[in-house]
């Protein structure tokens, strides 16, 4: 009898302990999600100055830590999908540079739900926004770009590809802690220009991190898409010169000097005479838009005519056209078909105090203006001549890999991209053919074993800006894993 009473007491105590533990766990779980919800709400953007009154989606902005010991925090802007938020994939968009802003370019000039308006620092809805197909995340990377910052000044001289990828991966892991409801969404990386480095390198970091992570903490990376991407310097350089000559931009003499003096070696080591030949090449380009050959360049007269009414002075980016092709590939003046001076309006808009307050930006009082491309980064420590090995890793991992190329870009032209992709040695799965937007040819596509190339007819370096309809069409097919239409789409 005594033994029975003892056993009964043990069972009662155990049951009570289990119930208490469950209650504590439930309370802890509830507290966690209350805290997460509170943190998300703190980042919620209720309204932006100049924003249309009804937008139909939620968006959030703020800072996420990338490196706590150095005080590095990256600024993000996140847009939920226009519908079916819980079912849509999550896409991280990165612009290039190195040192250019994904918030300024990607979000406000290209594919985000809002676009700056010509002649005034306000925003309108983008009818071709990519958030119709996905939840969109933009981040200014690395620290020192845009509103992103570091509390360790020497960091600004030590950034390179490796540290940028490490911080971007850390940012993502912490971002998913803030938005855990998106952790198990299909995840894609996309970007343009020097994102031909950023995206594949971050993709490899994610794969490596997933091997070490608990199943619940793994990022569901499904694929990457890179546009007019710098991926192989020798191919990029060869194609840059060849495309310019073939499109009647440079003379036989300038082209001949480059072919004579430059070896286009894989290690990027070239002679001084080759450097001078490239200087001559870029001098020819001063009065046209290298990034979009057949659209107007932003002249001083145009910039003054479209000057906004904001208190910030309109400006256009300067770029040293004497830079060698191995230098930064996205420090130019990106233009769209209708307003080649759009950079001015983005600069004005993002430097408004009321806009920064609404976006929870510049909370540390950064001692310089927001710029589309950062002057704070004074050095770039590592930049491999080719990211083809990283791309091959992603192909071998059976990820979806698409390469997009606007065919009027002469900074990273389609010629360069075709030379680069040949080096991968992938078998051709489906031959080169045209694809359609409505009843018109939208471009051409070639499907390799594990990689798809899509060109966009009439698009420049920033495809979503110049040809937004075609760009959103390509994006939708990329996400769905479907081929571009081979017949007119009525």
Protein backbone atom coordinates (compact mmCIF):
# COMPACT_ATOMS: atom_id res chain seq x y z
CA UNK A 1 0.00 0.00 0.00
CA UNK A 2 2.83 2.39 0.91
CA UNK A 3 4.54 1.61 -2.39
CA UNK A 4 1.33 2.32 -4.29
CA UNK A 5 0.90 5.64 -2.53
CA UNK A 6 4.50 6.55 -3.30
CA UNK A 7 4.07 5.71 -7.00
CA UNK A 8 0.84 7.69 -7.11
CA UNK A 9 2.60 10.68 -5.55
CA UNK A 10 5.43 10.42 -8.07
CA UNK A 11 2.96 10.33 -10.95
CA UNK A 12 1.05 13.32 -9.61
CA UNK A 13 4.25 15.31 -9.14
CA UNK A 14 5.50 14.33 -12.60
CA UNK A 15 2.21 15.29 -14.18
CA UNK A 16 2.23 18.61 -12.39
CA UNK A 17 5.83 19.26 -13.45
CA UNK A 18 5.03 18.33 -17.04
CA UNK A 19 2.00 20.61 -17.07
CA UNK A 20 4.03 23.44 -15.57
CA UNK A 21 6.84 22.89 -18.06
CA UNK A 22 4.36 22.84 -20.92
CA UNK A 23 2.81 26.04 -19.64
CA UNK A 24 6.24 27.65 -19.38
CA UNK A 25 7.11 26.51 -22.90
CA UNK A 26 3.77 27.76 -24.20
CA UNK A 27 4.27 31.07 -22.43
CA UNK A 28 7.83 31.31 -23.74
CA UNK A 29 6.63 30.46 -27.24
CA UNK A 30 3.87 33.05 -27.01
CA UNK A 31 6.26 35.65 -25.61
CA UNK A 32 8.66 34.93 -28.47
CA UNK A 33 6.03 35.49 -31.10
CA UNK A 34 4.71 38.55 -29.31
CA UNK A 35 8.25 39.93 -29.30
CA UNK A 36 8.74 39.02 -32.95
CA UNK A 37 5.43 40.61 -33.86
CA UNK A 38 6.33 43.73 -31.88
CA UNK A 39 9.70 43.94 -33.64
CA UNK A 40 8.10 43.54 -37.03
CA UNK A 41 5.54 46.19 -36.21
CA UNK A 42 8.33 48.55 -35.18
CA UNK A 43 9.71 48.18 -38.73
CA UNK A 44 6.33 48.53 -40.41
CA UNK A 45 6.23 51.46 -42.84
CA UNK A 46 2.81 52.96 -42.32
CA UNK A 47 3.06 55.51 -45.12
CA UNK A 48 5.67 57.34 -47.14
CA UNK A 49 5.66 61.00 -48.17
CA UNK A 50 4.24 61.24 -51.66
CA UNK A 51 2.92 57.67 -51.54
CA UNK A 52 -0.43 56.79 -53.14
CA UNK A 53 -3.10 56.37 -50.46
CA UNK A 54 -4.02 52.77 -51.33
CA UNK A 55 -1.21 50.33 -52.06
CA UNK A 56 -2.66 46.91 -51.23
CA UNK A 57 0.44 45.41 -49.59
CA UNK A 58 2.49 45.85 -46.43
CA UNK A 59 6.11 46.94 -46.36
CA UNK A 60 8.78 47.11 -43.68
CA UNK A 61 12.15 48.82 -43.38
CA UNK A 62 14.90 49.08 -40.82
CA UNK A 63 18.21 47.66 -39.70
CA UNK A 64 19.41 44.11 -39.12
CA UNK A 65 22.76 43.33 -37.50
CA UNK A 66 25.39 41.72 -39.72
CA UNK A 67 28.29 41.80 -37.25
CA UNK A 68 27.64 42.65 -33.62
CA UNK A 69 31.26 43.03 -32.46
CA UNK A 70 32.04 45.64 -35.14
CA UNK A 71 28.62 47.26 -35.00
CA UNK A 72 27.78 46.54 -38.63
CA UNK A 73 24.10 46.82 -39.52
CA UNK A 74 22.52 46.59 -42.96
CA UNK A 75 19.47 48.58 -44.01
CA UNK A 76 16.66 46.64 -45.64
CA UNK A 77 13.34 47.40 -47.30
CA UNK A 78 10.92 44.50 -47.53
CA UNK A 79 7.69 44.37 -49.55
CA UNK A 80 5.16 41.64 -49.05
CA UNK A 81 3.64 40.19 -52.19
CA UNK A 82 0.59 41.95 -53.57
CA UNK A 83 -1.46 38.80 -52.89
CA UNK A 84 -0.99 35.27 -51.51
CA UNK A 85 1.82 36.42 -49.22
CA UNK A 86 2.00 33.08 -47.40
CA UNK A 87 2.34 31.13 -50.65
CA UNK A 88 4.65 33.37 -52.66
CA UNK A 89 8.43 32.84 -52.66
CA UNK A 90 10.87 35.28 -51.09
CA UNK A 91 13.40 36.99 -53.36
CA UNK A 92 16.45 38.96 -52.23
CA UNK A 93 17.55 41.56 -54.80
CA UNK A 94 21.12 42.92 -54.86
CA UNK A 95 22.52 45.69 -57.03
CA UNK A 96 26.17 45.91 -57.93
CA UNK A 97 28.99 48.39 -57.71
CA UNK A 98 30.58 47.28 -55.64
CA UNK A 99 29.02 49.87 -53.40
CA UNK A 100 25.69 50.70 -55.07
CA UNK A 101 22.30 50.72 -53.38
CA UNK A 102 19.65 48.09 -53.96
CA UNK A 103 17.14 50.42 -52.30
CA UNK A 104 17.91 53.32 -54.63
CA UNK A 105 18.25 51.34 -57.84
CA UNK A 106 16.35 48.06 -57.50
CA UNK A 107 13.52 49.23 -55.26
CA UNK A 108 12.89 52.76 -56.56
CA UNK A 109 14.08 52.71 -60.18
CA UNK A 110 13.58 49.19 -61.43
CA UNK A 111 11.41 46.43 -59.99
CA UNK A 112 9.99 47.56 -56.65
CA UNK A 113 6.34 48.49 -56.04
CA UNK A 114 7.19 52.22 -55.98
CA UNK A 115 8.94 54.33 -58.60
CA UNK A 116 10.13 57.90 -58.23
CA UNK A 117 8.28 60.35 -60.47
CA UNK A 118 9.87 62.51 -63.11
CA UNK A 119 10.51 66.06 -62.03
CA UNK A 120 9.45 65.71 -58.39
CA UNK A 121 10.60 63.70 -55.38
CA UNK A 122 7.43 61.65 -55.03
CA UNK A 123 6.57 58.03 -55.71
CA UNK A 124 3.96 56.26 -57.80
CA UNK A 125 2.91 52.64 -58.04
CA UNK A 126 4.89 50.49 -60.46
CA UNK A 127 2.46 48.56 -62.68
CA UNK A 128 5.21 46.03 -63.41
CA UNK A 129 6.38 45.48 -59.84
CA UNK A 130 7.91 42.12 -59.14
CA UNK A 131 5.98 41.84 -55.88
CA UNK A 132 3.09 40.62 -57.99
CA UNK A 133 5.04 37.36 -58.17
CA UNK A 134 7.05 37.31 -54.94
CA UNK A 135 7.81 38.84 -51.58
CA UNK A 136 10.70 41.25 -52.28
CA UNK A 137 13.63 42.00 -49.99
CA UNK A 138 16.15 44.74 -50.81
CA UNK A 139 19.29 45.28 -48.73
CA UNK A 140 22.02 47.91 -48.94
CA UNK A 141 25.23 45.89 -48.81
CA UNK A 142 27.94 46.05 -47.58
CA UNK A 143 27.94 48.41 -44.58
CA UNK A 144 28.82 51.89 -45.82
CA UNK A 145 26.40 51.65 -48.74
CA UNK A 146 23.31 53.86 -48.54
CA UNK A 147 21.90 53.86 -45.02
CA UNK A 148 23.86 50.78 -43.90
CA UNK A 149 26.60 51.55 -41.41
CA UNK A 150 29.46 50.27 -39.29
CA UNK A 151 30.67 51.52 -35.92
CA UNK A 152 34.19 50.40 -36.82
CA UNK A 153 35.66 52.94 -39.23
CA UNK A 154 38.45 50.68 -40.49
CA UNK A 155 35.81 48.30 -41.86
CA UNK A 156 35.29 50.74 -44.73
CA UNK A 157 38.81 49.98 -45.99
CA UNK A 158 38.54 46.21 -45.56
CA UNK A 159 35.45 45.23 -47.50
CA UNK A 160 35.72 42.88 -50.42
CA UNK A 161 33.75 40.03 -51.93
CA UNK A 162 34.38 37.58 -49.08
CA UNK A 163 33.41 39.89 -46.21
CA UNK A 164 30.39 41.16 -48.15
CA UNK A 165 29.12 37.60 -48.65
CA UNK A 166 29.75 36.74 -44.99
CA UNK A 167 27.84 39.79 -43.77
CA UNK A 168 25.00 39.22 -46.23
CA UNK A 169 24.61 35.65 -44.98
CA UNK A 170 24.63 36.82 -41.35
CA UNK A 171 22.07 39.48 -42.25
CA UNK A 172 19.78 36.86 -43.75
CA UNK A 173 19.97 34.57 -40.73
CA UNK A 174 19.09 37.48 -38.45
CA UNK A 175 16.39 38.75 -40.80
CA UNK A 176 14.69 35.36 -40.67
CA UNK A 177 14.71 35.60 -36.87
CA UNK A 178 12.80 38.85 -37.21
CA UNK A 179 10.46 37.44 -39.88
CA UNK A 180 10.27 33.73 -38.98
CA UNK A 181 7.05 33.28 -40.97
CA UNK A 182 9.15 33.51 -44.16
CA UNK A 183 11.89 31.09 -43.09
CA UNK A 184 10.37 28.15 -44.93
CA UNK A 185 9.33 29.98 -48.08
CA UNK A 186 11.14 29.07 -51.27
CA UNK A 187 14.02 31.53 -51.47
CA UNK A 188 15.74 33.02 -54.51
CA UNK A 189 18.66 35.39 -55.05
CA UNK A 190 18.60 37.91 -57.89
CA UNK A 191 20.61 40.92 -58.94
CA UNK A 192 22.50 42.66 -61.70
CA UNK A 193 25.95 43.93 -62.65
CA UNK A 194 28.50 43.28 -59.89
CA UNK A 195 25.83 41.09 -58.31
CA UNK A 196 27.39 38.59 -60.71
CA UNK A 197 29.82 38.34 -57.79
CA UNK A 198 27.45 38.99 -54.88
CA UNK A 199 24.73 36.52 -55.83
CA UNK A 200 26.75 33.36 -56.63
CA UNK A 201 29.06 33.95 -53.67
CA UNK A 202 26.14 34.40 -51.28
CA UNK A 203 24.50 31.34 -52.80
CA UNK A 204 27.57 29.26 -51.97
CA UNK A 205 27.61 30.71 -48.41
CA UNK A 206 24.00 29.64 -47.96
CA UNK A 207 24.69 26.10 -49.19
CA UNK A 208 27.68 25.81 -46.86
CA UNK A 209 25.71 27.24 -43.95
CA UNK A 210 22.81 24.87 -44.56
CA UNK A 211 25.14 21.88 -44.16
CA UNK A 212 25.94 22.97 -40.61
CA UNK A 213 22.51 24.26 -39.60
CA UNK A 214 19.65 22.45 -37.93
CA UNK A 215 16.97 21.53 -40.44
CA UNK A 216 14.57 24.18 -39.13
CA UNK A 217 17.21 26.90 -39.57
CA UNK A 218 18.16 26.12 -43.16
CA UNK A 219 17.44 28.64 -45.89
CA UNK A 220 15.37 27.09 -48.68
CA UNK A 221 17.51 28.39 -51.54
CA UNK A 222 15.97 27.28 -54.82
CA UNK A 223 17.79 29.33 -57.43
CA UNK A 224 19.50 32.48 -58.63
CA UNK A 225 19.01 34.95 -61.47
CA UNK A 226 21.67 37.49 -62.46
CA UNK A 227 21.33 40.20 -65.10
CA UNK A 228 24.08 41.78 -67.23
CA UNK A 229 26.39 40.32 -64.67
CA UNK A 230 30.12 40.72 -64.26
CA UNK A 231 31.14 37.09 -63.88
CA UNK A 232 34.41 36.60 -65.75
CA UNK A 233 36.74 39.54 -66.26
CA UNK A 234 38.62 38.31 -69.33
CA UNK A 235 35.36 37.46 -71.11
CA UNK A 236 33.77 40.71 -69.93
CA UNK A 237 36.67 42.74 -71.34
CA UNK A 238 36.84 40.91 -74.65
CA UNK A 239 33.09 41.25 -75.17
CA UNK A 240 33.08 44.90 -74.09
CA UNK A 241 35.49 45.91 -76.84
CA UNK A 242 34.01 43.63 -79.48
CA UNK A 243 30.45 44.80 -78.83
CA UNK A 244 31.41 48.49 -78.97
CA UNK A 245 33.22 48.03 -82.28
CA UNK A 246 30.42 45.91 -83.74
CA UNK A 247 27.87 48.59 -82.77
CA UNK A 248 29.88 51.39 -84.40
CA UNK A 249 30.77 53.13 -81.14
CA UNK A 250 34.57 52.94 -81.42
CA UNK A 251 36.92 53.29 -84.36
CA UNK A 252 38.98 50.57 -85.99
CA UNK A 253 42.07 52.19 -84.46
CA UNK A 254 40.76 52.08 -80.86
CA UNK A 255 39.56 48.51 -81.29
CA UNK A 256 42.79 47.50 -82.97
CA UNK A 257 44.87 48.95 -80.12
CA UNK A 258 42.93 46.95 -77.53
CA UNK A 259 43.31 43.74 -79.51
CA UNK A 260 47.01 44.39 -80.00
CA UNK A 261 47.97 45.46 -76.48
CA UNK A 262 45.62 43.36 -74.32
CA UNK A 263 45.88 39.62 -73.76
CA UNK A 264 42.53 39.12 -72.00
CA UNK A 265 44.25 36.75 -69.62
CA UNK A 266 42.25 34.94 -66.96
CA UNK A 267 44.35 36.47 -64.16
CA UNK A 268 43.58 40.02 -65.36
CA UNK A 269 47.27 40.97 -65.49
CA UNK A 270 47.70 43.45 -68.35
CA UNK A 271 50.37 45.89 -69.55
CA UNK A 272 50.38 49.67 -69.18
CA UNK A 273 49.83 49.94 -72.93
CA UNK A 274 46.67 47.88 -72.55
CA UNK A 275 45.52 50.24 -69.80
CA UNK A 276 46.11 53.23 -72.08
CA UNK A 277 44.14 51.55 -74.86
CA UNK A 278 41.22 51.15 -72.46
CA UNK A 279 41.53 54.80 -71.42
CA UNK A 280 41.14 55.76 -75.07
CA UNK A 281 38.15 53.44 -75.32
CA UNK A 282 36.31 55.04 -72.40
CA UNK A 283 37.14 58.57 -73.55
CA UNK A 284 35.09 57.85 -76.68
CA UNK A 285 32.12 56.97 -74.45
CA UNK A 286 31.91 60.23 -72.52
CA UNK A 287 28.89 61.67 -74.29
CA UNK A 288 26.71 58.56 -74.56
CA UNK A 289 25.15 56.19 -72.09
CA UNK A 290 27.40 53.16 -71.95
CA UNK A 291 24.75 51.29 -69.97
CA UNK A 292 22.02 51.76 -72.56
CA UNK A 293 23.38 52.66 -75.98
CA UNK A 294 20.16 53.81 -77.62
CA UNK A 295 18.55 55.91 -74.87
CA UNK A 296 19.45 59.55 -74.13
CA UNK A 297 22.23 60.32 -71.70
CA UNK A 298 21.61 62.67 -68.78
CA UNK A 299 23.04 66.03 -69.85
CA UNK A 300 23.40 69.11 -67.67
CA UNK A 301 20.54 70.78 -69.54
CA UNK A 302 18.24 67.81 -68.96
CA UNK A 303 19.23 67.59 -65.31
CA UNK A 304 18.41 71.26 -64.78
CA UNK A 305 15.13 70.99 -66.67
CA UNK A 306 13.95 68.10 -64.51
CA UNK A 307 15.30 69.50 -61.25
CA UNK A 308 12.92 68.65 -58.43
CA UNK A 309 11.31 71.06 -56.01
CA UNK A 310 12.85 69.46 -52.93
CA UNK A 311 15.34 71.29 -50.78
CA UNK A 312 18.07 68.83 -51.74
CA UNK A 313 20.03 69.88 -54.80
CA UNK A 314 19.50 67.73 -57.86
CA UNK A 315 22.64 66.07 -59.02
CA UNK A 316 23.91 63.37 -61.25
CA UNK A 317 26.53 60.82 -60.47
CA UNK A 318 30.00 61.40 -61.80
CA UNK A 319 31.96 58.47 -63.12
CA UNK A 320 35.52 58.30 -64.33
CA UNK A 321 35.19 56.87 -67.80
CA UNK A 322 38.93 56.32 -67.82
CA UNK A 323 38.44 53.45 -65.36
CA UNK A 324 39.65 50.15 -66.73
CA UNK A 325 37.05 47.49 -67.48
CA UNK A 326 38.29 45.58 -64.45
CA UNK A 327 37.19 48.46 -62.24
CA UNK A 328 33.77 48.96 -60.74
CA UNK A 329 31.07 48.15 -63.25
CA UNK A 330 28.04 49.91 -61.81
CA UNK A 331 29.22 53.38 -60.87
CA UNK A 332 27.61 55.04 -63.82
CA UNK A 333 24.45 57.00 -64.38
CA UNK A 334 21.63 54.49 -64.90
CA UNK A 335 18.86 55.91 -67.06
CA UNK A 336 15.46 54.79 -68.16
CA UNK A 337 13.80 55.42 -71.46
CA UNK A 338 11.77 58.41 -70.29
CA UNK A 339 13.94 60.08 -67.69
CA UNK A 340 17.70 59.57 -67.98
CA UNK A 341 18.18 61.80 -64.92
CA UNK A 342 16.12 59.60 -62.59
CA UNK A 343 19.07 59.29 -60.20
CA UNK A 344 18.55 62.92 -59.24
CA UNK A 345 15.01 62.30 -58.03
CA UNK A 346 15.96 59.23 -56.02
CA UNK A 347 18.76 61.21 -54.38
CA UNK A 348 16.33 63.99 -53.50
CA UNK A 349 13.67 61.63 -52.21
CA UNK A 350 15.85 59.48 -49.97
CA UNK A 351 17.61 62.50 -48.47
CA UNK A 352 14.33 64.00 -47.24
CA UNK A 353 14.18 63.90 -43.44
CA UNK A 354 10.51 62.88 -43.48
CA UNK A 355 11.23 59.99 -45.85
CA UNK A 356 14.10 58.75 -43.70
CA UNK A 357 11.91 58.93 -40.60
CA UNK A 358 9.14 56.96 -42.31
CA UNK A 359 11.65 54.30 -43.40
CA UNK A 360 13.31 54.12 -39.96
CA UNK A 361 16.53 55.00 -41.80
CA UNK A 362 19.64 56.92 -40.77
CA UNK A 363 18.88 56.40 -37.08
CA UNK A 364 22.55 56.85 -36.17
CA UNK A 365 22.90 60.17 -37.97
CA UNK A 366 25.32 59.11 -40.71
CA UNK A 367 27.61 62.11 -41.39
CA UNK A 368 27.03 62.11 -45.15
CA UNK A 369 24.15 62.16 -47.60
CA UNK A 370 22.53 59.03 -48.92
CA UNK A 371 24.15 58.30 -52.31
CA UNK A 372 23.16 55.82 -55.02
CA UNK A 373 26.75 54.55 -55.02
CA UNK A 374 28.87 54.90 -51.91
CA UNK A 375 31.95 57.08 -51.65
CA UNK A 376 32.47 55.80 -48.09
CA UNK A 377 34.06 52.56 -49.27
CA UNK A 378 37.65 53.58 -49.89
CA UNK A 379 39.04 50.18 -50.86
CA UNK A 380 37.93 46.82 -52.21
CA UNK A 381 40.22 44.12 -50.94
CA UNK A 382 39.29 41.03 -52.93
CA UNK A 383 37.50 40.47 -56.20
CA UNK A 384 38.14 37.18 -57.98
CA UNK A 385 38.62 37.47 -61.72
CA UNK A 386 35.86 34.92 -62.26
CA UNK A 387 32.81 33.73 -60.35
CA UNK A 388 32.22 30.89 -62.79
CA UNK A 389 33.44 28.32 -60.20
CA UNK A 390 30.77 29.57 -57.76
CA UNK A 391 28.12 29.47 -60.48
CA UNK A 392 29.18 25.92 -61.36
CA UNK A 393 28.76 24.92 -57.70
CA UNK A 394 25.19 26.16 -57.77
CA UNK A 395 24.50 24.36 -61.05
CA UNK A 396 25.95 21.15 -59.61
CA UNK A 397 23.73 21.58 -56.54
CA UNK A 398 20.74 21.41 -58.92
CA UNK A 399 19.62 24.96 -58.19
CA UNK A 400 17.75 26.90 -60.85
CA UNK A 401 20.28 29.23 -62.49
CA UNK A 402 19.18 31.89 -64.98
CA UNK A 403 21.34 34.54 -66.61
CA UNK A 404 19.57 37.59 -68.03
CA UNK A 405 21.12 39.99 -70.54
CA UNK A 406 19.80 43.23 -72.00
CA UNK A 407 21.20 43.42 -75.52
CA UNK A 408 21.86 47.19 -75.69
CA UNK A 409 24.17 47.29 -72.66
CA UNK A 410 27.80 48.04 -73.50
CA UNK A 411 29.11 47.79 -69.94
CA UNK A 412 28.57 44.07 -69.49
CA UNK A 413 27.23 43.28 -72.97
CA UNK A 414 25.54 40.11 -74.08
CA UNK A 415 28.70 39.29 -76.05
CA UNK A 416 30.64 39.13 -72.78
CA UNK A 417 28.00 36.96 -71.17
CA UNK A 418 28.04 34.47 -74.03
CA UNK A 419 31.83 34.20 -73.89
CA UNK A 420 31.66 33.69 -70.12
CA UNK A 421 29.02 30.97 -70.17
CA UNK A 422 30.90 28.99 -72.80
CA UNK A 423 33.68 28.50 -70.26
CA UNK A 424 31.36 26.50 -68.03
CA UNK A 425 31.42 23.71 -70.59
CA UNK A 426 27.74 22.87 -70.12
CA UNK A 427 25.98 20.81 -72.75
CA UNK A 428 23.25 22.53 -74.76
CA UNK A 429 19.85 21.17 -73.76
CA UNK A 430 17.72 23.36 -76.05
CA UNK A 431 19.00 25.38 -78.98
CA UNK A 432 18.99 29.16 -79.35
CA UNK A 433 15.54 30.51 -80.25
CA UNK A 434 13.38 33.61 -79.99
CA UNK A 435 10.84 34.19 -77.23
CA UNK A 436 7.77 36.45 -77.31
CA UNK A 437 6.17 39.31 -75.44
CA UNK A 438 2.63 39.62 -76.81
CA UNK A 439 3.08 39.32 -80.59
CA UNK A 440 6.63 40.72 -80.63
CA UNK A 441 9.97 39.04 -80.14
CA UNK A 442 11.05 39.86 -76.59
CA UNK A 443 14.52 38.39 -76.94
CA UNK A 444 16.30 35.07 -77.31
CA UNK A 445 16.96 32.11 -75.08
CA UNK A 446 19.42 29.24 -74.90
CA UNK A 447 19.01 26.42 -72.39
CA UNK A 448 22.11 24.65 -71.16
CA UNK A 449 22.16 21.56 -68.97
CA UNK A 450 21.55 23.30 -65.62
CA UNK A 451 21.52 26.95 -66.74
CA UNK A 452 19.24 29.16 -68.84
CA UNK A 453 20.35 32.26 -70.76
CA UNK A 454 17.66 34.82 -71.65
CA UNK A 455 18.39 37.97 -73.65
CA UNK A 456 16.00 40.93 -73.66
CA UNK A 457 15.70 42.86 -76.89
CA UNK A 458 16.21 46.60 -76.52
CA UNK A 459 17.13 46.48 -72.83
CA UNK A 460 20.24 48.03 -71.33
CA UNK A 461 22.27 47.23 -68.24
CA UNK A 462 19.26 47.67 -65.94
CA UNK A 463 16.71 45.51 -67.71
CA UNK A 464 13.71 46.16 -65.39
CA UNK A 465 14.12 49.91 -65.89
CA UNK A 466 14.39 49.98 -69.68
CA UNK A 467 11.98 47.14 -70.54
CA UNK A 468 9.82 46.58 -67.45
CA UNK A 469 7.17 44.41 -69.12
CA UNK A 470 9.68 41.96 -70.55
CA UNK A 471 11.66 41.93 -67.30
CA UNK A 472 8.64 41.02 -65.18
CA UNK A 473 7.73 38.35 -67.72
CA UNK A 474 11.19 36.78 -67.47
CA UNK A 475 11.02 36.96 -63.67
CA UNK A 476 7.70 35.11 -63.59
CA UNK A 477 9.01 32.34 -65.84
CA UNK A 478 12.16 32.07 -63.74
CA UNK A 479 10.17 31.60 -60.52
CA UNK A 480 7.85 29.07 -62.14
CA UNK A 481 10.72 27.20 -63.76
CA UNK A 482 8.99 27.42 -67.13
CA UNK A 483 10.47 28.12 -70.55
CA UNK A 484 10.03 31.49 -72.21
CA UNK A 485 7.09 31.41 -74.68
CA UNK A 486 8.09 30.21 -78.12
CA UNK A 487 4.96 31.64 -79.76
CA UNK A 488 3.19 35.01 -79.63
CA UNK A 489 1.32 35.60 -76.39
CA UNK A 490 -2.07 37.09 -77.16
